[in-house]
Amino acid sequence: MKIGGATFIKSVAESREFYVSDKPLVAVVGKSNVGKSSLINMLANNRKLARTSDTPGRTRLINYFSFGEFVLADLPGYGFAKVSKEEKAKWASLMEDFLRTQDIKLLILLTDIRHDPTADDLMMIKYLYHYAIPFIPVATKADKLPKTRIKPNLYAIASKLGVGAGNMLAASAADGTGKEDILAAVEKAIHIGV
């Protein structure tokens, strides 16, 4: 699958504003600062499509992008401590409404390859199974590890998430690792039943 000309559609803060399209919906989710925006930019071949920041918790809205054949939703990062309890509750409600009501063809669940999954990552996996949302687990920032550590870390993360090690992908926005595998998974997901 080749992506060209991906564009920003809109940002939403409430479930009544969710974007509706006849195109398949793919979503990206992960804890704050895991590299969601960087991964989206890598998939889009556009470093400036999704705003990246060194400050965790910058994505506070659901941002929608047109990727030609599908719409991609960038969900707010979870697990960021430096926001109020009210803000966290608002994000959690928005996320649950999204997962519960939207026809998501594939969700890309991001974790950091350098760290064990968090309690929030494990909660997200439970949501995905509960709502029967197809997903692929992707471990980001693979360029930050020596190549000899990538497979062992993938296996360890897969084990903690309770997913098959062969289903876990490594990715790096810095060098493009995993891009083709992720896009192949998206292409397969959006064409199932077509």
C-alpha atoms as a PDB file:
ATOM      1  CA  MET A   1       0.000   0.000   0.000  1.00  0.00           C
ATOM      2  CA  LYS A   2       1.365   3.384  -1.011  1.00  0.00           C
ATOM      3  CA  ILE A   3       0.315   6.522   0.837  1.00  0.00           C
ATOM      4  CA  GLY A   4       0.463   9.873  -0.902  1.00  0.00           C
ATOM      5  CA  GLY A   5      -1.103  13.181  -0.006  1.00  0.00           C
ATOM      6  CA  ALA A   6      -2.360  12.389   3.507  1.00  0.00           C
ATOM      7  CA  THR A   7      -4.163  15.408   4.949  1.00  0.00           C
ATOM      8  CA  PHE A   8      -5.531  16.624   8.283  1.00  0.00           C
ATOM      9  CA  ILE A   9      -9.347  16.486   8.516  1.00  0.00           C
ATOM     10  CA  LYS A  10     -10.331  17.755  11.966  1.00  0.00           C
ATOM     11  CA  SER A  11      -9.887  17.510  15.740  1.00  0.00           C
ATOM     12  CA  VAL A  12     -12.695  16.579  18.116  1.00  0.00           C
ATOM     13  CA  ALA A  13     -13.066  16.883  21.883  1.00  0.00           C
ATOM     14  CA  GLU A  14     -16.474  15.243  22.342  1.00  0.00           C
ATOM     15  CA  SER A  15     -18.114  12.062  21.131  1.00  0.00           C
ATOM     16  CA  ARG A  16     -20.914  13.948  19.389  1.00  0.00           C
ATOM     17  CA  GLU A  17     -18.232  15.417  17.094  1.00  0.00           C
ATOM     18  CA  PHE A  18     -16.795  12.055  15.940  1.00  0.00           C
ATOM     19  CA  TYR A  19     -15.965  12.171  12.233  1.00  0.00           C
ATOM     20  CA  VAL A  20     -18.199  10.052  10.021  1.00  0.00           C
ATOM     21  CA  SER A  21     -16.969   8.784   6.662  1.00  0.00           C
ATOM     22  CA  ASP A  22     -17.741   6.009   4.208  1.00  0.00           C
ATOM     23  CA  LYS A  23     -14.026   5.151   4.241  1.00  0.00           C
ATOM     24  CA  PRO A  24     -12.626   2.507   6.629  1.00  0.00           C
ATOM     25  CA  LEU A  25     -11.413   3.783  10.003  1.00  0.00           C
ATOM     26  CA  VAL A  26      -7.971   2.952  11.415  1.00  0.00           C
ATOM     27  CA  ALA A  27      -6.899   4.281  14.826  1.00  0.00           C
ATOM     28  CA  VAL A  28      -3.578   4.755  16.615  1.00  0.00           C
ATOM     29  CA  VAL A  29      -3.387   4.594  20.397  1.00  0.00           C
ATOM     30  CA  GLY A  30      -0.690   4.399  23.057  1.00  0.00           C
ATOM     31  CA  LYS A  31       0.597   6.031  26.185  1.00  0.00           C
ATOM     32  CA  SER A  32       1.790   9.620  26.139  1.00  0.00           C
ATOM     33  CA  ASN A  33       5.148  10.146  24.411  1.00  0.00           C
ATOM     34  CA  VAL A  34       5.203   6.667  22.809  1.00  0.00           C
ATOM     35  CA  GLY A  35       5.592   8.169  19.342  1.00  0.00           C
ATOM     36  CA  LYS A  36       2.072   8.174  17.882  1.00  0.00           C
ATOM     37  CA  SER A  37       2.548  11.387  15.902  1.00  0.00           C
ATOM     38  CA  SER A  38       5.958  10.289  14.633  1.00  0.00           C
ATOM     39  CA  LEU A  39       4.530   6.944  13.498  1.00  0.00           C
ATOM     40  CA  ILE A  40       1.630   8.667  11.724  1.00  0.00           C
ATOM     41  CA  ASN A  41       4.076  10.975   9.962  1.00  0.00           C
ATOM     42  CA  MET A  42       6.198   7.978   8.921  1.00  0.00           C
ATOM     43  CA  LEU A  43       3.166   6.172   7.475  1.00  0.00           C
ATOM     44  CA  ALA A  44       2.076   9.351   5.661  1.00  0.00           C
ATOM     45  CA  ASN A  45       5.526  10.158   4.232  1.00  0.00           C
ATOM     46  CA  ASN A  46       5.067  13.625   5.727  1.00  0.00           C
ATOM     47  CA  ARG A  47       7.070  14.724   8.772  1.00  0.00           C
ATOM     48  CA  LYS A  48       4.745  17.665   9.422  1.00  0.00           C
ATOM     49  CA  LEU A  49       1.300  16.028   9.145  1.00  0.00           C
ATOM     50  CA  ALA A  50       0.806  15.194  12.846  1.00  0.00           C
ATOM     51  CA  ARG A  51       2.354  17.550  15.382  1.00  0.00           C
ATOM     52  CA  THR A  52       5.153  15.955  17.363  1.00  0.00           C
ATOM     53  CA  SER A  53       6.363  17.158  20.737  1.00  0.00           C
ATOM     54  CA  ASP A  54       8.953  16.218  23.328  1.00  0.00           C
ATOM     55  CA  THR A  55       6.335  17.094  25.957  1.00  0.00           C
ATOM     56  CA  PRO A  56       4.094  14.136  26.842  1.00  0.00           C
ATOM     57  CA  GLY A  57       0.340  14.614  26.795  1.00  0.00           C
ATOM     58  CA  ARG A  58       0.175  17.084  23.903  1.00  0.00           C
ATOM     59  CA  THR A  59      -2.491  15.169  21.969  1.00  0.00           C
ATOM     60  CA  ARG A  60      -5.618  15.917  23.986  1.00  0.00           C
ATOM     61  CA  LEU A  61      -8.125  15.570  21.169  1.00  0.00           C
ATOM     62  CA  ILE A  62      -8.916  12.903  18.611  1.00  0.00           C
ATOM     63  CA  ASN A  63      -7.252  14.042  15.396  1.00  0.00           C
ATOM     64  CA  TYR A  64      -8.526  12.671  12.092  1.00  0.00           C
ATOM     65  CA  PHE A  65      -6.442  12.374   8.934  1.00  0.00           C
ATOM     66  CA  SER A  66      -7.349  11.304   5.417  1.00  0.00           C
ATOM     67  CA  PHE A  67      -4.989   8.616   4.121  1.00  0.00           C
ATOM     68  CA  GLY A  68      -6.701   8.194   0.760  1.00  0.00           C
ATOM     69  CA  GLU A  69      -8.210   4.716   1.072  1.00  0.00           C
ATOM     70  CA  PHE A  70      -8.873   5.101   4.807  1.00  0.00           C
ATOM     71  CA  VAL A  71      -9.291   7.616   7.628  1.00  0.00           C
ATOM     72  CA  LEU A  72      -6.779   7.493  10.473  1.00  0.00           C
ATOM     73  CA  ALA A  73      -7.723   8.640  13.986  1.00  0.00           C
ATOM     74  CA  ASP A  74      -4.943   9.671  16.369  1.00  0.00           C
ATOM     75  CA  LEU A  75      -6.289   9.097  19.876  1.00  0.00           C
ATOM     76  CA  PRO A  76      -5.111  11.033  22.958  1.00  0.00           C
ATOM     77  CA  GLY A  77      -2.133   9.520  24.757  1.00  0.00           C
ATOM     78  CA  TYR A  78      -3.029   7.843  28.007  1.00  0.00           C
ATOM     79  CA  GLY A  79      -1.179   7.529  31.303  1.00  0.00           C
ATOM     80  CA  PHE A  80       0.234  11.050  31.479  1.00  0.00           C
ATOM     81  CA  ALA A  81       0.407  12.139  35.128  1.00  0.00           C
ATOM     82  CA  LYS A  82       0.680  15.925  34.777  1.00  0.00           C
ATOM     83  CA  VAL A  83      -2.977  16.612  34.048  1.00  0.00           C
ATOM     84  CA  SER A  84      -5.874  17.009  36.443  1.00  0.00           C
ATOM     85  CA  LYS A  85      -8.082  14.094  37.475  1.00  0.00           C
ATOM     86  CA  GLU A  86     -10.960  15.809  35.681  1.00  0.00           C
ATOM     87  CA  GLU A  87      -8.936  15.985  32.459  1.00  0.00           C
ATOM     88  CA  LYS A  88      -7.954  12.308  32.771  1.00  0.00           C
ATOM     89  CA  ALA A  89     -11.587  11.334  33.343  1.00  0.00           C
ATOM     90  CA  LYS A  90     -12.640  13.355  30.290  1.00  0.00           C
ATOM     91  CA  TRP A  91     -10.006  11.644  28.111  1.00  0.00           C
ATOM     92  CA  ALA A  92     -10.985   8.201  29.436  1.00  0.00           C
ATOM     93  CA  SER A  93     -14.651   8.857  28.661  1.00  0.00           C
ATOM     94  CA  LEU A  94     -13.844  10.111  25.164  1.00  0.00           C
ATOM     95  CA  MET A  95     -11.630   7.074  24.482  1.00  0.00           C
ATOM     96  CA  GLU A  96     -14.205   4.596  25.746  1.00  0.00           C
ATOM     97  CA  ASP A  97     -16.967   6.241  23.686  1.00  0.00           C
ATOM     98  CA  PHE A  98     -14.725   6.039  20.631  1.00  0.00           C
ATOM     99  CA  LEU A  99     -13.828   2.371  21.146  1.00  0.00           C
ATOM    100  CA  ARG A 100     -17.423   1.442  21.960  1.00  0.00           C
ATOM    101  CA  THR A 101     -19.196   3.251  19.113  1.00  0.00           C
ATOM    102  CA  GLN A 102     -16.858   3.527  16.127  1.00  0.00           C
ATOM    103  CA  ASP A 103     -16.461   0.893  13.392  1.00  0.00           C
ATOM    104  CA  ILE A 104     -12.694   0.525  13.732  1.00  0.00           C
ATOM    105  CA  LYS A 105     -11.222  -1.761  11.068  1.00  0.00           C
ATOM    106  CA  LEU A 106      -7.810  -1.843  12.761  1.00  0.00           C
ATOM    107  CA  LEU A 107      -6.310  -0.282  15.848  1.00  0.00           C
ATOM    108  CA  ILE A 108      -2.547   0.156  16.034  1.00  0.00           C
ATOM    109  CA  LEU A 109      -1.560  -0.199  19.695  1.00  0.00           C
ATOM    110  CA  LEU A 110       1.820   1.394  20.378  1.00  0.00           C
ATOM    111  CA  THR A 111       4.217   0.532  23.178  1.00  0.00           C
ATOM    112  CA  ASP A 112       7.823   1.621  23.691  1.00  0.00           C
ATOM    113  CA  ILE A 113      10.193  -1.252  22.829  1.00  0.00           C
ATOM    114  CA  ARG A 114      12.558  -0.154  25.622  1.00  0.00           C
ATOM    115  CA  HIS A 115      10.033  -0.592  28.440  1.00  0.00           C
ATOM    116  CA  ASP A 116       7.572  -3.104  29.823  1.00  0.00           C
ATOM    117  CA  PRO A 117       3.915  -2.374  29.033  1.00  0.00           C
ATOM    118  CA  THR A 118       2.241  -0.170  31.633  1.00  0.00           C
ATOM    119  CA  ALA A 119      -0.956  -0.883  33.556  1.00  0.00           C
ATOM    120  CA  ASP A 120      -2.652   1.496  31.092  1.00  0.00           C
ATOM    121  CA  ASP A 121      -1.384  -0.581  28.144  1.00  0.00           C
ATOM    122  CA  LEU A 122      -2.831  -3.715  29.748  1.00  0.00           C
ATOM    123  CA  MET A 123      -6.137  -1.917  30.360  1.00  0.00           C
ATOM    124  CA  MET A 124      -6.225  -0.889  26.699  1.00  0.00           C
ATOM    125  CA  ILE A 125      -5.723  -4.524  25.626  1.00  0.00           C
ATOM    126  CA  LYS A 126      -8.707  -5.476  27.813  1.00  0.00           C
ATOM    127  CA  TYR A 127     -10.820  -2.794  26.122  1.00  0.00           C
ATOM    128  CA  LEU A 128      -9.812  -4.057  22.682  1.00  0.00           C
ATOM    129  CA  TYR A 129     -10.749  -7.635  23.518  1.00  0.00           C
ATOM    130  CA  HIS A 130     -13.947  -6.542  25.268  1.00  0.00           C
ATOM    131  CA  TYR A 131     -15.138  -4.524  22.258  1.00  0.00           C
ATOM    132  CA  ALA A 132     -13.732  -7.095  19.763  1.00  0.00           C
ATOM    133  CA  ILE A 133     -11.607  -4.487  17.995  1.00  0.00           C
ATOM    134  CA  PRO A 134      -8.992  -5.916  15.635  1.00  0.00           C
ATOM    135  CA  PHE A 135      -5.548  -4.603  16.537  1.00  0.00           C
ATOM    136  CA  ILE A 136      -1.846  -4.970  15.919  1.00  0.00           C
ATOM    137  CA  PRO A 137       0.670  -4.317  18.690  1.00  0.00           C
ATOM    138  CA  VAL A 138       3.621  -2.212  17.558  1.00  0.00           C
ATOM    139  CA  ALA A 139       6.716  -1.469  19.659  1.00  0.00           C
ATOM    140  CA  THR A 140       8.089   1.944  18.710  1.00  0.00           C
ATOM    141  CA  LYS A 141      11.562   3.489  18.973  1.00  0.00           C
ATOM    142  CA  ALA A 142      13.342   0.346  17.744  1.00  0.00           C
ATOM    143  CA  ASP A 143      16.223   2.538  16.566  1.00  0.00           C
ATOM    144  CA  LYS A 144      17.036   3.260  20.232  1.00  0.00           C
ATOM    145  CA  LEU A 145      18.056  -0.371  20.860  1.00  0.00           C
ATOM    146  CA  PRO A 146      20.938  -2.464  19.540  1.00  0.00           C
ATOM    147  CA  LYS A 147      19.625  -4.846  16.855  1.00  0.00           C
ATOM    148  CA  THR A 148      20.411  -7.843  19.094  1.00  0.00           C
ATOM    149  CA  ARG A 149      17.909  -6.551  21.709  1.00  0.00           C
ATOM    150  CA  ILE A 150      14.950  -5.998  19.370  1.00  0.00           C
ATOM    151  CA  LYS A 151      13.623  -9.580  19.160  1.00  0.00           C
ATOM    152  CA  PRO A 152      14.050 -10.393  22.863  1.00  0.00           C
ATOM    153  CA  ASN A 153      12.289  -7.146  23.812  1.00  0.00           C
ATOM    154  CA  LEU A 154       9.460  -7.834  21.343  1.00  0.00           C
ATOM    155  CA  TYR A 155       8.967 -11.298  22.837  1.00  0.00           C
ATOM    156  CA  ALA A 156       8.975  -9.925  26.394  1.00  0.00           C
ATOM    157  CA  ILE A 157       6.425  -7.218  25.550  1.00  0.00           C
ATOM    158  CA  ALA A 158       4.219  -9.690  23.648  1.00  0.00           C
ATOM    159  CA  SER A 159       4.262 -12.030  26.640  1.00  0.00           C
ATOM    160  CA  LYS A 160       3.239  -9.259  29.051  1.00  0.00           C
ATOM    161  CA  LEU A 161       0.495  -8.055  26.694  1.00  0.00           C
ATOM    162  CA  GLY A 162      -0.764 -11.602  26.187  1.00  0.00           C
ATOM    163  CA  VAL A 163      -0.391 -11.529  22.404  1.00  0.00           C
ATOM    164  CA  GLY A 164       1.479 -13.819  20.033  1.00  0.00           C
ATOM    165  CA  ALA A 165       5.135 -12.865  19.673  1.00  0.00           C
ATOM    166  CA  GLY A 166       4.817 -13.278  15.895  1.00  0.00           C
ATOM    167  CA  ASN A 167       2.097 -10.613  15.846  1.00  0.00           C
ATOM    168  CA  MET A 168       4.263  -7.991  17.541  1.00  0.00           C
ATOM    169  CA  LEU A 169       5.922  -5.509  15.166  1.00  0.00           C
ATOM    170  CA  ALA A 170       8.956  -3.308  15.782  1.00  0.00           C
ATOM    171  CA  ALA A 171       8.866   0.215  14.370  1.00  0.00           C
ATOM    172  CA  SER A 172      11.045   3.278  14.163  1.00  0.00           C
ATOM    173  CA  ALA A 173       9.975   6.578  12.679  1.00  0.00           C
ATOM    174  CA  ALA A 174      13.653   7.562  12.592  1.00  0.00           C
ATOM    175  CA  ASP A 175      14.677   4.886  10.080  1.00  0.00           C
ATOM    176  CA  GLY A 176      11.364   3.598   8.695  1.00  0.00           C
ATOM    177  CA  THR A 177      11.509   0.201  10.396  1.00  0.00           C
ATOM    178  CA  GLY A 178       8.117  -1.518  10.343  1.00  0.00           C
ATOM    179  CA  LYS A 179       6.443   0.868   7.923  1.00  0.00           C
ATOM    180  CA  GLU A 180       5.737  -1.687   5.206  1.00  0.00           C
ATOM    181  CA  ASP A 181       4.508  -4.304   7.698  1.00  0.00           C
ATOM    182  CA  ILE A 182       2.123  -1.836   9.350  1.00  0.00           C
ATOM    183  CA  LEU A 183       0.751  -0.630   6.014  1.00  0.00           C
ATOM    184  CA  ALA A 184       0.315  -4.262   4.877  1.00  0.00           C
ATOM    185  CA  ALA A 185      -1.718  -4.963   8.040  1.00  0.00           C
ATOM    186  CA  VAL A 186      -3.825  -1.854   7.400  1.00  0.00           C
ATOM    187  CA  GLU A 187      -4.416  -2.834   3.784  1.00  0.00           C
ATOM    188  CA  LYS A 188      -5.494  -6.338   4.787  1.00  0.00           C
ATOM    189  CA  ALA A 189      -7.820  -5.014   7.508  1.00  0.00           C
ATOM    190  CA  ILE A 190      -9.573  -2.404   5.364  1.00  0.00           C
ATOM    191  CA  HIS A 191     -10.188  -4.875   2.523  1.00  0.00           C
ATOM    192  CA  ILE A 192     -11.645  -7.696   4.649  1.00  0.00           C
ATOM    193  CA  GLY A 193     -15.222  -8.249   3.525  1.00  0.00           C
ATOM    194  CA  VAL A 194     -14.942  -5.852   0.567  1.00  0.00           C
END
